[in-house]
Amino acid sequence: MYLADNGPTPKVIRAYDVVDDGTRITNSRVVVTCDPGVIADGFRCDIDGNLWCGWGPGENLDGVMVFNRDGKRIGRIALPERAANLCFGGRDRNRLFMAAGHSLYSLFVRTQGVAGR
């Protein structure tokens, strides 16, 4: 499970292990430390275990950041505003929908989102 912890400075994204048939979380750890002033918001995982995260505000920061399992930044989708939430959709779950303050964006990507239950 991932949690955007926007309380501390700098803001972080924490990961937890979900155990006991989904009734408890354990092993809290920081996987991403945000850039100064950035808010990490709505995120989704792809089938390769990468974390796609709404990111911003800030020049050259607004949009979506993509992190691998180790929290290393491996990609960015630049938008003219901060993406507040996102999801994978479409027939093949390879279309990323990004909701921002004033607009809705979509983009076909070269992976698929993890299927929901």
N, C-alpha and C. Protein backbone atom coordinates (compact mmCIF):
# COMPACT_ATOMS: atom_id res chain seq x y z
N MET A 1 0.84 -1.15 0.00
CA MET A 1 0.00 0.00 0.00
C MET A 1 0.90 1.24 0.00
N TYR A 2 0.51 2.25 -0.75
CA TYR A 2 1.24 3.52 -0.78
C TYR A 2 0.41 4.61 -0.12
N LEU A 3 1.09 5.53 0.53
CA LEU A 3 0.44 6.66 1.20
C LEU A 3 1.24 7.92 0.93
N ALA A 4 0.57 8.96 0.42
CA ALA A 4 1.22 10.27 0.28
C ALA A 4 1.18 10.95 1.63
N ASP A 5 2.34 11.14 2.22
CA ASP A 5 2.45 11.78 3.53
C ASP A 5 2.88 13.22 3.30
N ASN A 6 1.90 14.11 3.21
CA ASN A 6 2.17 15.51 2.90
C ASN A 6 2.32 16.37 4.15
N GLY A 7 2.50 15.74 5.32
CA GLY A 7 2.70 16.47 6.57
C GLY A 7 4.14 16.91 6.81
N PRO A 8 5.10 16.01 6.63
CA PRO A 8 6.49 16.40 6.94
C PRO A 8 7.08 17.30 5.85
N THR A 9 8.22 17.87 6.14
CA THR A 9 8.96 18.63 5.14
C THR A 9 10.34 18.00 5.05
N PRO A 10 10.77 17.49 3.92
CA PRO A 10 10.00 17.42 2.68
C PRO A 10 8.92 16.35 2.74
N LYS A 11 7.93 16.49 1.87
CA LYS A 11 6.84 15.53 1.78
C LYS A 11 7.38 14.22 1.22
N VAL A 12 6.74 13.11 1.57
CA VAL A 12 7.22 11.79 1.16
C VAL A 12 6.06 10.90 0.73
N ILE A 13 6.41 9.83 0.04
CA ILE A 13 5.48 8.74 -0.24
C ILE A 13 6.00 7.54 0.54
N ARG A 14 5.13 6.96 1.35
CA ARG A 14 5.48 5.80 2.15
C ARG A 14 4.86 4.54 1.54
N ALA A 15 5.55 3.43 1.72
CA ALA A 15 5.02 2.13 1.33
C ALA A 15 4.83 1.30 2.58
N TYR A 16 3.83 0.44 2.55
CA TYR A 16 3.53 -0.47 3.65
C TYR A 16 3.28 -1.86 3.08
N ASP A 17 3.57 -2.87 3.86
CA ASP A 17 3.17 -4.23 3.52
C ASP A 17 1.79 -4.47 4.11
N VAL A 18 0.91 -5.06 3.33
CA VAL A 18 -0.43 -5.41 3.80
C VAL A 18 -0.39 -6.88 4.18
N VAL A 19 -0.75 -7.18 5.43
CA VAL A 19 -0.61 -8.55 5.96
C VAL A 19 -1.92 -9.00 6.60
N ASP A 20 -1.91 -10.24 7.08
CA ASP A 20 -3.05 -10.82 7.79
C ASP A 20 -4.35 -10.68 7.00
N ASP A 21 -4.31 -11.15 5.75
CA ASP A 21 -5.48 -11.12 4.86
C ASP A 21 -6.04 -9.71 4.69
N GLY A 22 -5.15 -8.73 4.64
CA GLY A 22 -5.57 -7.36 4.39
C GLY A 22 -6.10 -6.62 5.59
N THR A 23 -5.91 -7.16 6.79
CA THR A 23 -6.46 -6.51 7.98
C THR A 23 -5.46 -5.60 8.70
N ARG A 24 -4.16 -5.70 8.34
CA ARG A 24 -3.14 -4.88 8.99
C ARG A 24 -2.11 -4.42 7.98
N ILE A 25 -1.47 -3.29 8.32
CA ILE A 25 -0.31 -2.84 7.55
C ILE A 25 0.90 -2.83 8.47
N THR A 26 2.07 -3.04 7.88
CA THR A 26 3.31 -3.09 8.65
C THR A 26 4.46 -2.63 7.77
N ASN A 27 5.63 -2.47 8.36
CA ASN A 27 6.86 -2.17 7.63
C ASN A 27 6.78 -0.84 6.88
N SER A 28 6.44 0.24 7.57
CA SER A 28 6.40 1.57 6.97
C SER A 28 7.80 1.98 6.52
N ARG A 29 7.89 2.48 5.29
CA ARG A 29 9.17 2.94 4.77
C ARG A 29 8.95 4.04 3.75
N VAL A 30 9.88 4.97 3.68
CA VAL A 30 9.82 6.05 2.69
C VAL A 30 10.39 5.51 1.38
N VAL A 31 9.60 5.62 0.30
CA VAL A 31 10.08 5.17 -1.01
C VAL A 31 10.38 6.34 -1.94
N VAL A 32 9.73 7.49 -1.71
CA VAL A 32 9.98 8.68 -2.54
C VAL A 32 10.02 9.89 -1.62
N THR A 33 11.02 10.72 -1.81
CA THR A 33 11.08 12.02 -1.14
C THR A 33 10.80 13.08 -2.20
N CYS A 34 9.79 13.91 -1.96
CA CYS A 34 9.35 14.90 -2.95
C CYS A 34 10.32 16.07 -3.06
N ASP A 35 10.29 16.71 -4.22
CA ASP A 35 11.03 17.94 -4.42
C ASP A 35 10.47 19.01 -3.48
N PRO A 36 11.28 20.00 -3.11
CA PRO A 36 10.78 21.06 -2.22
C PRO A 36 9.51 21.73 -2.77
N GLY A 37 8.50 21.83 -1.91
CA GLY A 37 7.24 22.49 -2.28
C GLY A 37 6.28 21.64 -3.08
N VAL A 38 6.67 20.43 -3.46
CA VAL A 38 5.83 19.57 -4.29
C VAL A 38 4.84 18.79 -3.43
N ILE A 39 3.65 18.59 -3.98
CA ILE A 39 2.63 17.75 -3.36
C ILE A 39 2.49 16.50 -4.22
N ALA A 40 2.68 15.34 -3.61
CA ALA A 40 2.41 14.07 -4.27
C ALA A 40 0.93 13.78 -4.07
N ASP A 41 0.26 13.44 -5.16
CA ASP A 41 -1.18 13.23 -5.08
C ASP A 41 -1.53 11.96 -5.82
N GLY A 42 -2.80 11.66 -5.98
CA GLY A 42 -3.31 10.42 -6.53
C GLY A 42 -2.31 9.60 -7.32
N PHE A 43 -2.25 8.31 -7.06
CA PHE A 43 -1.32 7.47 -7.79
C PHE A 43 -1.89 6.10 -8.10
N ARG A 44 -1.24 5.46 -9.09
CA ARG A 44 -1.60 4.12 -9.53
C ARG A 44 -0.34 3.36 -9.84
N CYS A 45 -0.45 2.02 -9.84
CA CYS A 45 0.68 1.16 -10.19
C CYS A 45 0.43 0.51 -11.55
N ASP A 46 1.52 0.29 -12.27
CA ASP A 46 1.41 -0.46 -13.52
C ASP A 46 1.80 -1.91 -13.29
N ILE A 47 1.68 -2.73 -14.32
CA ILE A 47 1.92 -4.17 -14.17
C ILE A 47 3.39 -4.50 -13.92
N ASP A 48 4.28 -3.54 -14.12
CA ASP A 48 5.71 -3.74 -13.86
C ASP A 48 6.11 -3.30 -12.45
N GLY A 49 5.13 -2.84 -11.66
CA GLY A 49 5.42 -2.42 -10.30
C GLY A 49 5.86 -0.97 -10.17
N ASN A 50 5.75 -0.20 -11.25
CA ASN A 50 6.10 1.22 -11.19
C ASN A 50 4.94 2.02 -10.62
N LEU A 51 5.28 3.11 -9.93
CA LEU A 51 4.30 3.99 -9.30
C LEU A 51 4.16 5.26 -10.13
N TRP A 52 2.97 5.55 -10.60
CA TRP A 52 2.65 6.74 -11.39
C TRP A 52 1.96 7.70 -10.43
N CYS A 53 2.49 8.92 -10.29
CA CYS A 53 2.05 9.80 -9.22
C CYS A 53 1.76 11.21 -9.73
N GLY A 54 0.58 11.76 -9.37
CA GLY A 54 0.30 13.16 -9.63
C GLY A 54 1.33 14.01 -8.91
N TRP A 55 1.82 15.10 -9.56
CA TRP A 55 3.00 15.80 -9.05
C TRP A 55 2.88 17.29 -9.33
N GLY A 56 3.33 18.10 -8.40
CA GLY A 56 3.39 19.55 -8.60
C GLY A 56 2.98 20.25 -7.32
N PRO A 57 2.83 21.53 -7.29
CA PRO A 57 3.00 22.45 -8.41
C PRO A 57 4.45 22.90 -8.53
N GLY A 58 4.76 23.47 -9.66
CA GLY A 58 6.08 24.03 -9.86
C GLY A 58 6.53 23.95 -11.30
N GLU A 59 7.29 24.93 -11.71
CA GLU A 59 7.82 24.95 -13.07
C GLU A 59 8.67 23.71 -13.29
N ASN A 60 8.45 23.05 -14.41
CA ASN A 60 9.14 21.82 -14.78
C ASN A 60 8.85 20.66 -13.82
N LEU A 61 7.77 20.77 -13.05
CA LEU A 61 7.38 19.69 -12.13
C LEU A 61 5.93 19.26 -12.32
N ASP A 62 5.06 20.14 -12.83
CA ASP A 62 3.64 19.81 -12.94
C ASP A 62 3.41 18.63 -13.87
N GLY A 63 2.52 17.74 -13.44
CA GLY A 63 2.14 16.61 -14.26
C GLY A 63 2.16 15.32 -13.49
N VAL A 64 2.81 14.31 -14.05
CA VAL A 64 2.89 12.98 -13.46
C VAL A 64 4.36 12.55 -13.43
N MET A 65 4.78 12.02 -12.30
CA MET A 65 6.12 11.43 -12.18
C MET A 65 5.95 9.92 -12.08
N VAL A 66 6.91 9.20 -12.64
CA VAL A 66 6.88 7.74 -12.61
C VAL A 66 8.13 7.27 -11.86
N PHE A 67 7.92 6.38 -10.88
CA PHE A 67 9.00 5.86 -10.06
C PHE A 67 9.02 4.34 -10.15
N ASN A 68 10.24 3.77 -10.13
CA ASN A 68 10.33 2.30 -10.11
C ASN A 68 10.12 1.81 -8.67
N ARG A 69 10.21 0.51 -8.48
CA ARG A 69 9.96 -0.09 -7.15
C ARG A 69 10.90 0.44 -6.08
N ASP A 70 12.09 0.89 -6.49
CA ASP A 70 13.07 1.40 -5.54
C ASP A 70 12.91 2.89 -5.26
N GLY A 71 11.90 3.52 -5.87
CA GLY A 71 11.68 4.95 -5.66
C GLY A 71 12.51 5.84 -6.56
N LYS A 72 13.19 5.26 -7.55
CA LYS A 72 13.97 6.06 -8.50
C LYS A 72 13.05 6.62 -9.58
N ARG A 73 13.20 7.91 -9.84
CA ARG A 73 12.39 8.57 -10.88
C ARG A 73 12.83 8.05 -12.24
N ILE A 74 11.87 7.48 -12.98
CA ILE A 74 12.20 6.91 -14.29
C ILE A 74 11.44 7.57 -15.43
N GLY A 75 10.52 8.48 -15.13
CA GLY A 75 9.77 9.13 -16.20
C GLY A 75 8.95 10.29 -15.70
N ARG A 76 8.51 11.11 -16.66
CA ARG A 76 7.68 12.27 -16.33
C ARG A 76 6.76 12.56 -17.50
N ILE A 77 5.52 12.89 -17.18
CA ILE A 77 4.58 13.42 -18.17
C ILE A 77 4.34 14.86 -17.79
N ALA A 78 4.79 15.77 -18.62
CA ALA A 78 4.65 17.20 -18.35
C ALA A 78 3.25 17.67 -18.70
N LEU A 79 2.64 18.41 -17.79
CA LEU A 79 1.34 19.02 -18.00
C LEU A 79 1.43 20.50 -17.64
N PRO A 80 0.51 21.32 -18.12
CA PRO A 80 0.55 22.74 -17.76
C PRO A 80 0.01 23.02 -16.36
N GLU A 81 -0.40 21.99 -15.64
CA GLU A 81 -0.90 22.13 -14.27
C GLU A 81 -0.66 20.82 -13.52
N ARG A 82 -0.79 20.89 -12.20
CA ARG A 82 -0.57 19.72 -11.36
C ARG A 82 -1.67 18.70 -11.57
N ALA A 83 -1.30 17.45 -11.75
CA ALA A 83 -2.29 16.37 -11.82
C ALA A 83 -2.66 15.97 -10.40
N ALA A 84 -3.94 15.99 -10.10
CA ALA A 84 -4.41 15.68 -8.75
C ALA A 84 -4.76 14.21 -8.59
N ASN A 85 -5.16 13.57 -9.67
CA ASN A 85 -5.51 12.16 -9.59
C ASN A 85 -5.34 11.54 -10.96
N LEU A 86 -5.19 10.23 -11.00
CA LEU A 86 -5.00 9.56 -12.28
C LEU A 86 -5.47 8.12 -12.18
N CYS A 87 -5.73 7.54 -13.35
CA CYS A 87 -6.10 6.13 -13.40
C CYS A 87 -5.81 5.59 -14.80
N PHE A 88 -5.58 4.28 -14.86
CA PHE A 88 -5.42 3.61 -16.13
C PHE A 88 -6.80 3.14 -16.59
N GLY A 89 -7.08 3.26 -17.88
CA GLY A 89 -8.37 2.84 -18.39
C GLY A 89 -8.24 2.37 -19.82
N GLY A 90 -9.38 2.28 -20.47
CA GLY A 90 -9.43 1.78 -21.84
C GLY A 90 -9.49 0.27 -21.85
N ARG A 91 -9.75 -0.26 -23.02
CA ARG A 91 -9.92 -1.71 -23.18
C ARG A 91 -8.70 -2.49 -22.67
N ASP A 92 -7.50 -1.97 -22.93
CA ASP A 92 -6.27 -2.67 -22.56
C ASP A 92 -5.59 -2.07 -21.32
N ARG A 93 -6.27 -1.18 -20.62
CA ARG A 93 -5.71 -0.50 -19.44
C ARG A 93 -4.38 0.18 -19.75
N ASN A 94 -4.23 0.67 -20.99
CA ASN A 94 -2.99 1.34 -21.39
C ASN A 94 -3.21 2.82 -21.72
N ARG A 95 -4.32 3.34 -21.29
CA ARG A 95 -4.60 4.77 -21.47
C ARG A 95 -4.61 5.40 -20.07
N LEU A 96 -3.74 6.37 -19.87
CA LEU A 96 -3.65 7.03 -18.58
C LEU A 96 -4.53 8.27 -18.60
N PHE A 97 -5.48 8.35 -17.68
CA PHE A 97 -6.33 9.51 -17.52
C PHE A 97 -5.81 10.32 -16.34
N MET A 98 -5.62 11.63 -16.55
CA MET A 98 -5.03 12.50 -15.53
C MET A 98 -5.98 13.66 -15.26
N ALA A 99 -6.51 13.72 -14.05
CA ALA A 99 -7.42 14.80 -13.66
C ALA A 99 -6.61 15.90 -12.99
N ALA A 100 -6.79 17.12 -13.48
CA ALA A 100 -6.09 18.27 -12.91
C ALA A 100 -7.12 19.30 -12.46
N GLY A 101 -6.66 20.44 -12.00
CA GLY A 101 -7.55 21.45 -11.47
C GLY A 101 -8.54 22.01 -12.47
N HIS A 102 -8.12 22.11 -13.74
CA HIS A 102 -8.97 22.74 -14.75
C HIS A 102 -9.23 21.87 -15.96
N SER A 103 -8.60 20.71 -16.04
CA SER A 103 -8.67 19.91 -17.26
C SER A 103 -8.58 18.42 -16.95
N LEU A 104 -8.97 17.62 -17.94
CA LEU A 104 -8.79 16.18 -17.91
C LEU A 104 -7.93 15.83 -19.11
N TYR A 105 -6.84 15.10 -18.87
CA TYR A 105 -5.92 14.72 -19.93
C TYR A 105 -5.92 13.21 -20.06
N SER A 106 -5.57 12.72 -21.26
CA SER A 106 -5.38 11.28 -21.43
C SER A 106 -4.24 11.05 -22.41
N LEU A 107 -3.60 9.90 -22.24
CA LEU A 107 -2.43 9.58 -23.03
C LEU A 107 -2.28 8.06 -23.06
N PHE A 108 -2.03 7.52 -24.26
CA PHE A 108 -1.72 6.09 -24.34
C PHE A 108 -0.29 5.88 -23.88
N VAL A 109 -0.05 4.85 -23.07
CA VAL A 109 1.27 4.57 -22.53
C VAL A 109 1.69 3.15 -22.92
N ARG A 110 2.96 2.85 -22.76
CA ARG A 110 3.51 1.55 -23.17
C ARG A 110 3.53 0.53 -22.05
N THR A 111 2.54 0.58 -21.21
CA THR A 111 2.36 -0.41 -20.14
C THR A 111 0.88 -0.50 -19.85
N GLN A 112 0.52 -1.28 -18.87
CA GLN A 112 -0.87 -1.39 -18.45
C GLN A 112 -0.97 -1.14 -16.96
N GLY A 113 -2.09 -0.57 -16.56
CA GLY A 113 -2.35 -0.43 -15.15
C GLY A 113 -2.71 -1.76 -14.53
N VAL A 114 -2.43 -1.91 -13.26
CA VAL A 114 -2.81 -3.13 -12.54
C VAL A 114 -4.34 -3.21 -12.52
N ALA A 115 -4.86 -4.38 -12.80
CA ALA A 115 -6.31 -4.56 -12.81
C ALA A 115 -6.86 -4.46 -11.39
N GLY A 116 -7.97 -3.75 -11.26
CA GLY A 116 -8.63 -3.63 -9.96
C GLY A 116 -9.38 -4.89 -9.64
N ARG A 117 -9.80 -4.97 -8.39
CA ARG A 117 -10.59 -6.14 -7.97
C ARG A 117 -11.98 -5.73 -7.66
